[in-house]
N, C-alpha and C. Protein backbone atom coordinates (compact mmCIF):
# COMPACT_ATOMS: atom_id res chain seq x y z
N MET A 1 42.38 -103.68 -36.48
CA MET A 1 40.99 -103.55 -36.06
C MET A 1 40.91 -103.84 -34.59
N SER A 2 40.32 -103.01 -33.86
CA SER A 2 40.25 -103.17 -32.38
C SER A 2 38.89 -103.60 -31.96
N PHE A 3 38.90 -104.41 -30.90
CA PHE A 3 37.64 -104.89 -30.34
C PHE A 3 37.39 -104.20 -29.01
N PRO A 4 36.20 -103.89 -28.79
CA PRO A 4 35.91 -103.24 -27.46
C PRO A 4 36.19 -104.21 -26.33
N SER A 5 36.77 -103.67 -25.24
CA SER A 5 37.12 -104.53 -24.06
C SER A 5 35.87 -104.96 -23.35
N GLN A 6 35.93 -106.25 -22.95
CA GLN A 6 34.77 -106.81 -22.25
C GLN A 6 34.85 -106.41 -20.77
N PRO A 7 33.73 -106.10 -20.23
CA PRO A 7 33.74 -105.76 -18.77
C PRO A 7 34.09 -106.97 -17.94
N GLN A 8 34.97 -106.78 -16.94
CA GLN A 8 35.39 -107.87 -16.05
C GLN A 8 34.35 -108.06 -14.96
N PRO A 9 34.12 -109.32 -14.66
CA PRO A 9 33.13 -109.54 -13.55
C PRO A 9 33.66 -108.96 -12.24
N PRO A 10 32.80 -108.35 -11.59
CA PRO A 10 33.25 -107.74 -10.31
C PRO A 10 33.70 -108.80 -9.33
N GLY A 11 34.75 -108.48 -8.59
CA GLY A 11 35.25 -109.40 -7.55
C GLY A 11 34.35 -109.36 -6.33
N PRO A 12 34.68 -110.21 -5.38
CA PRO A 12 33.83 -110.22 -4.17
C PRO A 12 33.92 -108.88 -3.45
N GLN A 13 32.80 -108.35 -3.17
CA GLN A 13 32.70 -107.06 -2.51
C GLN A 13 32.51 -107.26 -1.02
N GLN A 14 33.21 -106.45 -0.23
CA GLN A 14 33.01 -106.48 1.24
C GLN A 14 31.98 -105.44 1.60
N PRO A 15 31.23 -105.76 2.57
CA PRO A 15 30.20 -104.78 2.99
C PRO A 15 30.86 -103.49 3.39
N PHE A 16 30.10 -102.42 3.17
CA PHE A 16 30.62 -101.09 3.49
C PHE A 16 30.89 -100.97 4.98
N GLY A 17 32.05 -100.44 5.31
CA GLY A 17 32.41 -100.21 6.71
C GLY A 17 33.06 -101.40 7.36
N SER A 18 33.26 -102.53 6.62
CA SER A 18 33.84 -103.72 7.22
C SER A 18 35.32 -103.80 6.98
N GLN A 19 35.92 -102.84 6.26
CA GLN A 19 37.34 -102.90 5.98
C GLN A 19 38.12 -102.73 7.26
N GLN A 20 39.13 -103.55 7.44
CA GLN A 20 40.00 -103.49 8.60
C GLN A 20 41.07 -102.45 8.34
N PRO A 21 41.39 -101.65 9.33
CA PRO A 21 42.46 -100.68 9.12
C PRO A 21 43.79 -101.38 8.92
N PHE A 22 44.58 -100.73 8.16
CA PHE A 22 45.88 -101.30 7.86
C PHE A 22 46.76 -101.29 9.10
N SER A 23 47.43 -102.40 9.36
CA SER A 23 48.33 -102.50 10.52
C SER A 23 49.65 -103.04 10.04
N SER A 24 50.70 -102.46 10.57
CA SER A 24 52.04 -102.92 10.19
C SER A 24 52.47 -104.11 11.02
N GLN A 25 51.69 -104.49 12.06
CA GLN A 25 52.07 -105.61 12.91
C GLN A 25 51.44 -106.88 12.39
N PRO A 26 52.11 -107.98 12.63
CA PRO A 26 51.54 -109.27 12.19
C PRO A 26 50.22 -109.54 12.89
N PRO A 27 49.39 -110.35 12.22
CA PRO A 27 48.10 -110.67 12.86
C PRO A 27 48.32 -111.31 14.23
N GLY A 28 47.45 -110.96 15.18
CA GLY A 28 47.50 -111.55 16.51
C GLY A 28 48.39 -110.80 17.48
N THR A 29 49.07 -109.74 16.97
CA THR A 29 49.99 -109.01 17.87
C THR A 29 49.57 -107.57 18.04
N GLN A 30 48.40 -107.22 17.51
CA GLN A 30 48.02 -105.82 17.53
C GLN A 30 47.83 -105.27 18.95
N HIS A 31 47.55 -106.15 19.97
CA HIS A 31 47.19 -105.67 21.31
C HIS A 31 48.35 -105.76 22.29
N PHE A 32 49.54 -106.02 21.84
CA PHE A 32 50.68 -106.14 22.75
C PHE A 32 51.80 -105.21 22.30
N GLN A 33 52.28 -104.42 23.23
CA GLN A 33 53.38 -103.52 22.93
C GLN A 33 54.71 -104.25 23.04
N GLN A 34 55.68 -103.70 22.40
CA GLN A 34 57.03 -104.25 22.52
C GLN A 34 57.63 -103.84 23.86
N PRO A 35 58.47 -104.69 24.46
CA PRO A 35 59.10 -104.31 25.74
C PRO A 35 59.84 -102.99 25.62
N GLY A 36 59.73 -102.17 26.68
CA GLY A 36 60.40 -100.88 26.69
C GLY A 36 61.83 -101.01 27.18
N PRO A 37 62.47 -99.90 27.37
CA PRO A 37 63.87 -99.92 27.85
C PRO A 37 63.92 -100.40 29.28
N PRO A 38 65.11 -100.75 29.78
CA PRO A 38 65.26 -101.21 31.17
C PRO A 38 64.72 -100.16 32.15
N GLY A 39 64.02 -100.66 33.17
CA GLY A 39 63.44 -99.76 34.17
C GLY A 39 62.06 -99.28 33.81
N TYR A 40 61.59 -99.61 32.58
CA TYR A 40 60.26 -99.17 32.17
C TYR A 40 59.23 -100.17 32.66
N HIS A 41 58.20 -99.67 33.31
CA HIS A 41 57.13 -100.52 33.84
C HIS A 41 55.81 -100.04 33.28
N PRO A 42 55.32 -100.71 32.28
CA PRO A 42 54.04 -100.27 31.68
C PRO A 42 52.91 -100.43 32.68
N GLN A 43 51.94 -99.58 32.53
CA GLN A 43 50.78 -99.61 33.40
C GLN A 43 49.78 -100.65 32.91
N PRO A 44 49.04 -101.28 33.84
CA PRO A 44 48.02 -102.25 33.43
C PRO A 44 46.99 -101.57 32.54
N GLY A 45 46.47 -102.34 31.62
CA GLY A 45 45.41 -101.84 30.76
C GLY A 45 45.90 -101.36 29.42
N TYR A 46 47.22 -101.38 29.17
CA TYR A 46 47.76 -100.95 27.90
C TYR A 46 48.40 -102.12 27.17
N GLY A 47 47.69 -103.21 27.13
CA GLY A 47 48.20 -104.37 26.42
C GLY A 47 48.93 -105.34 27.31
N TYR A 48 49.07 -105.02 28.64
CA TYR A 48 49.75 -105.91 29.58
C TYR A 48 48.78 -106.36 30.64
N PRO A 49 48.85 -107.62 31.04
CA PRO A 49 47.94 -108.09 32.10
C PRO A 49 48.31 -107.43 33.41
N PRO A 50 47.34 -107.20 34.31
CA PRO A 50 47.64 -106.58 35.61
C PRO A 50 48.56 -107.48 36.43
N PRO A 51 49.43 -106.87 37.26
CA PRO A 51 50.33 -107.70 38.09
C PRO A 51 49.54 -108.54 39.07
N LYS A 52 50.05 -109.73 39.34
CA LYS A 52 49.38 -110.65 40.26
C LYS A 52 49.64 -110.20 41.69
N LYS A 53 48.60 -110.26 42.51
CA LYS A 53 48.73 -109.95 43.93
C LYS A 53 48.79 -111.25 44.71
N HIS A 54 49.65 -111.30 45.71
CA HIS A 54 49.85 -112.51 46.51
C HIS A 54 49.50 -112.25 47.97
N THR A 55 48.48 -111.45 48.19
CA THR A 55 48.12 -111.10 49.57
C THR A 55 47.77 -112.33 50.38
N LEU A 56 46.92 -113.20 49.83
CA LEU A 56 46.52 -114.39 50.57
C LEU A 56 47.71 -115.28 50.88
N ARG A 57 48.58 -115.45 49.89
CA ARG A 57 49.77 -116.28 50.11
C ARG A 57 50.65 -115.70 51.21
N ASN A 58 50.84 -114.37 51.17
CA ASN A 58 51.68 -113.73 52.18
C ASN A 58 51.08 -113.87 53.58
N VAL A 59 49.75 -113.73 53.67
CA VAL A 59 49.08 -113.88 54.97
C VAL A 59 49.25 -115.30 55.49
N LEU A 60 49.11 -116.29 54.60
CA LEU A 60 49.26 -117.68 55.02
C LEU A 60 50.69 -117.96 55.48
N ILE A 61 51.67 -117.41 54.77
CA ILE A 61 53.07 -117.62 55.16
C ILE A 61 53.34 -116.98 56.52
N ALA A 62 52.84 -115.75 56.71
CA ALA A 62 53.04 -115.08 58.00
C ALA A 62 52.39 -115.86 59.13
N GLY A 63 51.17 -116.38 58.86
CA GLY A 63 50.49 -117.17 59.89
C GLY A 63 51.26 -118.43 60.24
N ALA A 64 51.83 -119.08 59.22
CA ALA A 64 52.61 -120.29 59.48
C ALA A 64 53.85 -119.99 60.31
N VAL A 65 54.50 -118.86 60.01
CA VAL A 65 55.69 -118.48 60.77
C VAL A 65 55.32 -118.22 62.23
N ILE A 66 54.18 -117.53 62.45
CA ILE A 66 53.75 -117.25 63.82
C ILE A 66 53.45 -118.54 64.55
N LEU A 67 52.77 -119.48 63.87
CA LEU A 67 52.43 -120.76 64.51
C LEU A 67 53.67 -121.55 64.88
N VAL A 68 54.73 -121.38 64.09
CA VAL A 68 55.98 -122.09 64.40
C VAL A 68 56.71 -121.43 65.57
N LEU A 69 56.76 -120.09 65.56
CA LEU A 69 57.53 -119.38 66.57
C LEU A 69 56.82 -119.26 67.90
N LEU A 70 55.47 -119.17 67.88
CA LEU A 70 54.72 -118.94 69.13
C LEU A 70 54.92 -120.06 70.14
N PRO A 71 54.76 -121.34 69.77
CA PRO A 71 54.99 -122.40 70.78
C PRO A 71 56.40 -122.38 71.33
N ALA A 72 57.39 -122.08 70.48
CA ALA A 72 58.76 -122.04 70.97
C ALA A 72 58.94 -120.95 72.01
N GLY A 73 58.34 -119.77 71.75
CA GLY A 73 58.42 -118.68 72.72
C GLY A 73 57.72 -119.01 74.01
N CYS A 74 56.53 -119.64 73.90
CA CYS A 74 55.78 -120.02 75.11
C CYS A 74 56.57 -121.04 75.93
N LEU A 75 57.17 -122.01 75.23
CA LEU A 75 57.95 -123.03 75.95
C LEU A 75 59.13 -122.39 76.67
N ALA A 76 59.74 -121.40 76.03
CA ALA A 76 60.88 -120.73 76.67
C ALA A 76 60.44 -120.00 77.93
N VAL A 77 59.29 -119.29 77.84
CA VAL A 77 58.79 -118.56 79.00
C VAL A 77 58.41 -119.53 80.12
N VAL A 78 57.71 -120.61 79.75
CA VAL A 78 57.32 -121.60 80.76
C VAL A 78 58.54 -122.24 81.39
N GLY A 79 59.55 -122.51 80.57
CA GLY A 79 60.77 -123.12 81.11
C GLY A 79 61.46 -122.21 82.10
N VAL A 80 61.54 -120.91 81.79
CA VAL A 80 62.17 -119.96 82.71
C VAL A 80 61.38 -119.86 84.01
N ALA A 81 60.03 -119.76 83.87
CA ALA A 81 59.19 -119.66 85.08
C ALA A 81 59.31 -120.92 85.94
N ALA A 82 59.30 -122.09 85.28
CA ALA A 82 59.41 -123.34 86.04
C ALA A 82 60.74 -123.43 86.75
N ASN A 83 61.80 -122.97 86.09
CA ASN A 83 63.12 -123.00 86.71
C ASN A 83 63.17 -122.09 87.94
N GLU A 84 62.55 -120.90 87.83
CA GLU A 84 62.54 -119.98 88.97
C GLU A 84 61.74 -120.57 90.13
N VAL A 85 60.58 -121.19 89.80
CA VAL A 85 59.77 -121.80 90.86
C VAL A 85 60.54 -122.93 91.52
N SER A 86 61.22 -123.75 90.69
CA SER A 86 61.99 -124.86 91.24
C SER A 86 63.09 -124.37 92.17
N GLU A 87 63.79 -123.31 91.74
CA GLU A 87 64.85 -122.76 92.58
C GLU A 87 64.29 -122.20 93.88
N SER A 88 63.10 -121.55 93.78
CA SER A 88 62.47 -120.99 94.99
C SER A 88 62.08 -122.10 95.95
N ILE A 89 61.53 -123.21 95.41
CA ILE A 89 61.13 -124.33 96.26
C ILE A 89 62.34 -124.96 96.93
N GLU A 90 63.42 -125.14 96.14
CA GLU A 90 64.63 -125.73 96.71
C GLU A 90 65.21 -124.85 97.82
N GLN A 91 65.20 -123.53 97.58
CA GLN A 91 65.70 -122.62 98.59
C GLN A 91 64.82 -122.66 99.83
N GLY A 92 63.47 -122.72 99.64
CA GLY A 92 62.55 -122.77 100.77
C GLY A 92 62.71 -124.04 101.58
N ASP A 93 62.99 -125.17 100.93
CA ASP A 93 63.13 -126.44 101.63
C ASP A 93 64.39 -126.49 102.50
N THR A 94 65.35 -125.61 102.21
CA THR A 94 66.57 -125.62 103.02
C THR A 94 66.44 -124.74 104.26
N GLU A 95 65.37 -123.95 104.34
CA GLU A 95 65.18 -123.10 105.52
C GLU A 95 64.81 -123.95 106.73
N ALA A 96 65.28 -123.52 107.90
CA ALA A 96 64.92 -124.21 109.14
C ALA A 96 63.42 -124.05 109.39
N GLY A 97 62.74 -125.17 109.54
CA GLY A 97 61.30 -125.15 109.75
C GLY A 97 60.49 -125.31 108.49
N ALA A 98 61.16 -125.43 107.32
CA ALA A 98 60.44 -125.71 106.07
C ALA A 98 59.89 -127.13 106.12
N PRO A 99 58.92 -127.47 105.24
CA PRO A 99 58.33 -128.81 105.28
C PRO A 99 59.36 -129.94 105.24
N GLY A 100 60.44 -129.76 104.49
CA GLY A 100 61.45 -130.80 104.41
C GLY A 100 62.61 -130.63 105.37
N ASN A 101 62.52 -129.64 106.28
CA ASN A 101 63.64 -129.38 107.18
C ASN A 101 63.11 -128.99 108.57
N PRO A 102 62.57 -129.96 109.33
CA PRO A 102 61.97 -129.65 110.64
C PRO A 102 62.99 -129.11 111.64
N VAL A 103 62.47 -128.35 112.61
CA VAL A 103 63.29 -127.80 113.69
C VAL A 103 62.99 -128.58 114.97
N GLU A 104 64.03 -128.98 115.67
CA GLU A 104 63.81 -129.70 116.92
C GLU A 104 63.47 -128.70 118.03
N ILE A 105 62.45 -129.03 118.82
CA ILE A 105 61.98 -128.15 119.89
C ILE A 105 61.82 -128.95 121.18
N ALA A 106 61.64 -128.22 122.26
CA ALA A 106 61.44 -128.86 123.58
C ALA A 106 60.24 -128.21 124.26
N PRO A 107 59.40 -129.00 124.92
CA PRO A 107 58.22 -128.44 125.59
C PRO A 107 58.60 -127.30 126.54
N GLY A 108 57.80 -126.23 126.49
CA GLY A 108 58.00 -125.08 127.36
C GLY A 108 58.98 -124.06 126.86
N GLU A 109 59.80 -124.37 125.86
CA GLU A 109 60.82 -123.44 125.38
C GLU A 109 60.34 -122.67 124.15
N ALA A 110 60.85 -121.45 124.02
CA ALA A 110 60.52 -120.62 122.85
C ALA A 110 61.36 -121.06 121.65
N PHE A 111 60.85 -120.80 120.46
CA PHE A 111 61.59 -121.11 119.22
C PHE A 111 61.05 -120.22 118.10
N GLU A 112 61.75 -120.24 116.98
CA GLU A 112 61.37 -119.41 115.83
C GLU A 112 61.36 -120.26 114.56
N VAL A 113 60.35 -120.05 113.73
CA VAL A 113 60.23 -120.77 112.46
C VAL A 113 59.86 -119.78 111.36
N ARG A 114 60.80 -119.45 110.52
CA ARG A 114 60.56 -118.67 109.30
C ARG A 114 59.76 -117.39 109.55
N GLY A 115 60.18 -116.63 110.51
CA GLY A 115 59.54 -115.35 110.77
C GLY A 115 58.40 -115.40 111.76
N PHE A 116 58.03 -116.57 112.24
CA PHE A 116 57.05 -116.71 113.31
C PHE A 116 57.79 -117.05 114.60
N ASN A 117 57.58 -116.25 115.63
CA ASN A 117 58.22 -116.48 116.93
C ASN A 117 57.22 -117.12 117.89
N TYR A 118 57.51 -118.38 118.28
CA TYR A 118 56.65 -119.12 119.20
C TYR A 118 57.15 -118.88 120.63
N LEU A 119 56.21 -118.54 121.50
CA LEU A 119 56.57 -118.11 122.85
C LEU A 119 56.75 -119.30 123.79
N ALA A 120 57.48 -119.07 124.85
CA ALA A 120 57.71 -120.10 125.87
C ALA A 120 56.43 -120.33 126.68
N GLY A 121 56.40 -121.48 127.37
CA GLY A 121 55.28 -121.78 128.25
C GLY A 121 54.29 -122.80 127.70
N TRP A 122 54.52 -123.34 126.52
CA TRP A 122 53.58 -124.31 125.96
C TRP A 122 53.88 -125.69 126.54
N GLN A 123 52.87 -126.59 126.45
CA GLN A 123 53.00 -127.92 127.06
C GLN A 123 52.56 -129.01 126.10
N LEU A 124 53.16 -130.18 126.26
CA LEU A 124 52.80 -131.39 125.51
C LEU A 124 52.28 -132.41 126.52
N SER A 125 51.08 -132.93 126.29
CA SER A 125 50.46 -133.85 127.26
C SER A 125 49.50 -134.79 126.55
N LYS A 126 48.78 -135.61 127.36
CA LYS A 126 47.76 -136.53 126.84
C LYS A 126 46.39 -136.02 127.26
N ASP A 127 45.42 -136.25 126.38
CA ASP A 127 44.05 -135.92 126.78
C ASP A 127 43.42 -137.15 127.43
N GLN A 128 42.12 -137.14 127.62
CA GLN A 128 41.44 -138.23 128.31
C GLN A 128 41.51 -139.55 127.55
N LEU A 129 41.74 -139.47 126.23
CA LEU A 129 41.83 -140.68 125.41
C LEU A 129 43.28 -141.05 125.10
N ASP A 130 44.20 -140.46 125.85
CA ASP A 130 45.63 -140.68 125.66
C ASP A 130 46.14 -140.15 124.32
N LEU A 131 45.35 -139.28 123.69
CA LEU A 131 45.79 -138.68 122.43
C LEU A 131 46.73 -137.51 122.71
N MET A 132 47.61 -137.26 121.76
CA MET A 132 48.58 -136.17 121.89
C MET A 132 47.86 -134.84 121.99
N GLU A 133 48.28 -134.00 122.91
CA GLU A 133 47.65 -132.70 123.13
C GLU A 133 48.73 -131.63 123.31
N VAL A 134 48.59 -130.55 122.52
CA VAL A 134 49.51 -129.41 122.63
C VAL A 134 48.70 -128.22 123.15
N THR A 135 49.11 -127.66 124.27
CA THR A 135 48.37 -126.56 124.88
C THR A 135 49.30 -125.38 125.16
N GLY A 136 48.68 -124.19 125.17
CA GLY A 136 49.42 -122.97 125.52
C GLY A 136 50.44 -122.51 124.50
N LEU A 137 50.30 -122.97 123.24
CA LEU A 137 51.28 -122.56 122.21
C LEU A 137 50.80 -121.26 121.57
N ARG A 138 51.62 -120.21 121.68
CA ARG A 138 51.31 -118.90 121.12
C ARG A 138 52.42 -118.48 120.15
N VAL A 139 52.03 -117.62 119.21
CA VAL A 139 52.97 -117.22 118.17
C VAL A 139 52.81 -115.73 117.87
N THR A 140 53.93 -115.08 117.55
CA THR A 140 53.95 -113.68 117.11
C THR A 140 54.41 -113.63 115.66
N ASN A 141 53.64 -112.92 114.84
CA ASN A 141 53.98 -112.80 113.43
C ASN A 141 55.01 -111.69 113.23
N ASN A 142 56.23 -112.07 112.94
CA ASN A 142 57.28 -111.10 112.63
C ASN A 142 57.61 -111.07 111.14
N ARG A 143 56.70 -111.59 110.33
CA ARG A 143 56.87 -111.51 108.88
C ARG A 143 56.44 -110.13 108.39
N ASP A 144 56.67 -109.86 107.12
CA ASP A 144 56.39 -108.53 106.56
C ASP A 144 54.91 -108.31 106.27
N SER A 145 54.13 -109.38 106.19
CA SER A 145 52.72 -109.24 105.81
C SER A 145 51.85 -110.16 106.65
N ARG A 146 50.55 -109.97 106.53
CA ARG A 146 49.58 -110.79 107.24
C ARG A 146 49.69 -112.23 106.77
N ASP A 147 49.70 -113.18 107.72
CA ASP A 147 49.87 -114.58 107.34
C ASP A 147 49.35 -115.47 108.46
N SER A 148 49.12 -116.75 108.11
CA SER A 148 48.65 -117.73 109.08
C SER A 148 49.77 -118.70 109.43
N ALA A 149 49.74 -119.17 110.67
CA ALA A 149 50.67 -120.23 111.08
C ALA A 149 49.99 -121.57 110.84
N LEU A 150 50.60 -122.39 110.02
CA LEU A 150 50.10 -123.74 109.71
C LEU A 150 51.28 -124.68 109.88
N VAL A 151 51.33 -125.38 111.01
CA VAL A 151 52.52 -126.18 111.32
C VAL A 151 52.14 -127.59 111.75
N GLU A 152 53.17 -128.46 111.70
CA GLU A 152 53.05 -129.84 112.18
C GLU A 152 54.04 -130.05 113.32
N ILE A 153 53.56 -130.56 114.42
CA ILE A 153 54.43 -130.95 115.53
C ILE A 153 54.49 -132.47 115.55
N LYS A 154 55.69 -133.02 115.44
CA LYS A 154 55.87 -134.46 115.29
C LYS A 154 56.65 -135.04 116.48
N ILE A 155 56.24 -136.23 116.88
CA ILE A 155 56.93 -136.99 117.93
C ILE A 155 57.66 -138.14 117.24
N TRP A 156 58.96 -138.27 117.52
CA TRP A 156 59.80 -139.24 116.82
C TRP A 156 60.32 -140.32 117.77
N GLN A 157 60.36 -141.52 117.25
CA GLN A 157 61.12 -142.62 117.85
C GLN A 157 62.09 -143.12 116.78
N GLY A 158 63.34 -142.77 116.94
CA GLY A 158 64.31 -143.06 115.88
C GLY A 158 63.99 -142.24 114.65
N SER A 159 63.82 -142.92 113.52
CA SER A 159 63.48 -142.24 112.26
C SER A 159 61.99 -142.33 111.94
N GLU A 160 61.18 -142.76 112.91
CA GLU A 160 59.74 -142.94 112.68
C GLU A 160 58.94 -141.87 113.43
N VAL A 161 57.98 -141.28 112.73
CA VAL A 161 57.05 -140.35 113.36
C VAL A 161 55.93 -141.19 113.98
N VAL A 162 55.83 -141.16 115.30
CA VAL A 162 54.84 -142.00 116.00
C VAL A 162 53.62 -141.22 116.41
N ALA A 163 53.67 -139.90 116.36
CA ALA A 163 52.50 -139.08 116.68
C ALA A 163 52.67 -137.72 116.00
N LEU A 164 51.55 -137.14 115.62
CA LEU A 164 51.60 -135.86 114.89
C LEU A 164 50.40 -135.02 115.28
N ALA A 165 50.62 -133.72 115.46
CA ALA A 165 49.55 -132.76 115.73
C ALA A 165 49.62 -131.64 114.70
N ASN A 166 48.48 -131.25 114.15
CA ASN A 166 48.40 -130.11 113.23
C ASN A 166 47.91 -128.90 114.00
N CYS A 167 48.67 -127.81 113.90
CA CYS A 167 48.35 -126.58 114.62
C CYS A 167 48.15 -125.44 113.63
N THR A 168 47.12 -124.62 113.84
CA THR A 168 46.79 -123.54 112.91
C THR A 168 46.36 -122.29 113.66
N THR A 169 46.39 -121.17 112.93
CA THR A 169 45.85 -119.90 113.42
C THR A 169 45.05 -119.24 112.32
N GLU A 170 44.28 -118.25 112.68
CA GLU A 170 43.67 -117.37 111.69
C GLU A 170 44.77 -116.49 111.11
N PRO A 171 44.53 -115.77 110.00
CA PRO A 171 45.56 -114.86 109.50
C PRO A 171 45.96 -113.84 110.57
N ILE A 172 47.27 -113.68 110.77
CA ILE A 172 47.79 -112.82 111.83
C ILE A 172 48.43 -111.58 111.20
N ALA A 173 48.07 -110.43 111.69
CA ALA A 173 48.71 -109.19 111.23
C ALA A 173 50.15 -109.13 111.75
N PRO A 174 51.03 -108.43 111.05
CA PRO A 174 52.41 -108.30 111.53
C PRO A 174 52.46 -107.73 112.95
N SER A 175 53.41 -108.22 113.74
CA SER A 175 53.65 -107.79 115.12
C SER A 175 52.47 -108.11 116.04
N THR A 176 51.66 -109.11 115.67
CA THR A 176 50.51 -109.51 116.48
C THR A 176 50.74 -110.92 117.01
N THR A 177 50.27 -111.17 118.23
CA THR A 177 50.43 -112.49 118.87
C THR A 177 49.06 -113.14 119.02
N THR A 178 49.00 -114.44 118.77
CA THR A 178 47.75 -115.18 118.94
C THR A 178 48.06 -116.61 119.36
N ARG A 179 47.02 -117.34 119.76
CA ARG A 179 47.18 -118.72 120.22
C ARG A 179 46.86 -119.69 119.08
N LEU A 180 47.61 -120.78 119.03
CA LEU A 180 47.38 -121.80 118.01
C LEU A 180 46.36 -122.81 118.50
N SER A 181 45.61 -123.34 117.57
CA SER A 181 44.68 -124.43 117.86
C SER A 181 45.29 -125.71 117.29
N CYS A 182 45.52 -126.70 118.17
CA CYS A 182 46.20 -127.94 117.76
C CYS A 182 45.27 -129.14 117.88
N LEU A 183 45.38 -130.07 116.92
CA LEU A 183 44.54 -131.25 116.90
C LEU A 183 45.37 -132.46 116.48
N SER A 184 45.17 -133.58 117.20
CA SER A 184 45.87 -134.81 116.86
C SER A 184 44.93 -135.99 117.04
N THR A 185 45.12 -136.99 116.22
CA THR A 185 44.37 -138.25 116.34
C THR A 185 45.31 -139.40 116.73
N ASP A 186 46.55 -139.05 117.12
CA ASP A 186 47.55 -140.07 117.49
C ASP A 186 47.74 -140.09 119.01
N LYS A 187 47.97 -141.29 119.52
CA LYS A 187 48.26 -141.42 120.95
C LYS A 187 49.71 -140.99 121.23
N LEU A 188 49.88 -140.28 122.33
CA LEU A 188 51.21 -139.84 122.71
C LEU A 188 51.94 -141.00 123.39
N PRO A 189 53.10 -141.41 122.85
CA PRO A 189 53.84 -142.53 123.46
C PRO A 189 54.44 -142.12 124.81
N ASN A 190 54.69 -143.11 125.65
CA ASN A 190 55.27 -142.83 126.97
C ASN A 190 56.72 -142.36 126.86
N SER A 191 57.40 -142.78 125.82
CA SER A 191 58.78 -142.34 125.60
C SER A 191 58.98 -142.02 124.13
N TYR A 192 59.88 -141.11 123.87
CA TYR A 192 60.17 -140.71 122.49
C TYR A 192 61.56 -140.08 122.46
N ASP A 193 62.10 -139.89 121.28
CA ASP A 193 63.47 -139.40 121.12
C ASP A 193 63.53 -137.88 120.96
N LYS A 194 62.59 -137.35 120.21
CA LYS A 194 62.64 -135.90 119.95
C LYS A 194 61.27 -135.40 119.50
N ILE A 195 61.13 -134.05 119.53
CA ILE A 195 59.94 -133.37 119.03
C ILE A 195 60.42 -132.36 117.98
N THR A 196 59.71 -132.31 116.87
CA THR A 196 60.07 -131.32 115.84
C THR A 196 58.84 -130.54 115.41
N ILE A 197 59.08 -129.42 114.76
CA ILE A 197 58.01 -128.60 114.18
C ILE A 197 58.45 -128.14 112.80
N ASN A 198 57.52 -128.06 111.90
CA ASN A 198 57.78 -127.54 110.56
C ASN A 198 56.49 -126.99 109.96
N ASP A 199 56.63 -126.07 109.02
CA ASP A 199 55.47 -125.56 108.30
C ASP A 199 54.82 -126.69 107.51
N SER A 200 53.50 -126.66 107.43
CA SER A 200 52.79 -127.71 106.69
C SER A 200 53.09 -127.63 105.20
N PHE A 201 53.25 -126.41 104.66
CA PHE A 201 53.59 -126.22 103.25
C PHE A 201 54.15 -124.83 103.06
């Protein structure tokens, strides 16, 4: 004798359209592809994060390198320039008539100082206050360019300068002769050992 089968209670029903498609990949891995063969570079947007850009880092590194190298380069340039200036000054100081190398002269006689030719006929005397006075001193510019004569005439007793006169001209064109204007605030001694002249600088 058979009994009719009892209807089974329906199981939990999912709302229509909520079924998830079947996937052969384990849960949580559906959005990532497997690595490809060597040399394969997947494009961003296909399950791989976009490559990181290091533009700011590269700019900062380049700036740091420049900041390190720039002072060293500047110091090298300054060092070379300073060395050239020093050599030029040393060479200039060894010239006859340079500030550190006076030329001995005698009243009335001609002489030459670094391209300036001083003519004969000048005199050394005292003014009304017994101050040193240089008169009749003329110079011809035999240098390559327009320049001024700026010189010191010194009276020596031994190794001591006992009187000094500063003599100047306006800028002189090449091959032109002009008279110097000399001024002193020192008294001219009755006796002295020598007279020298040198450029003021």
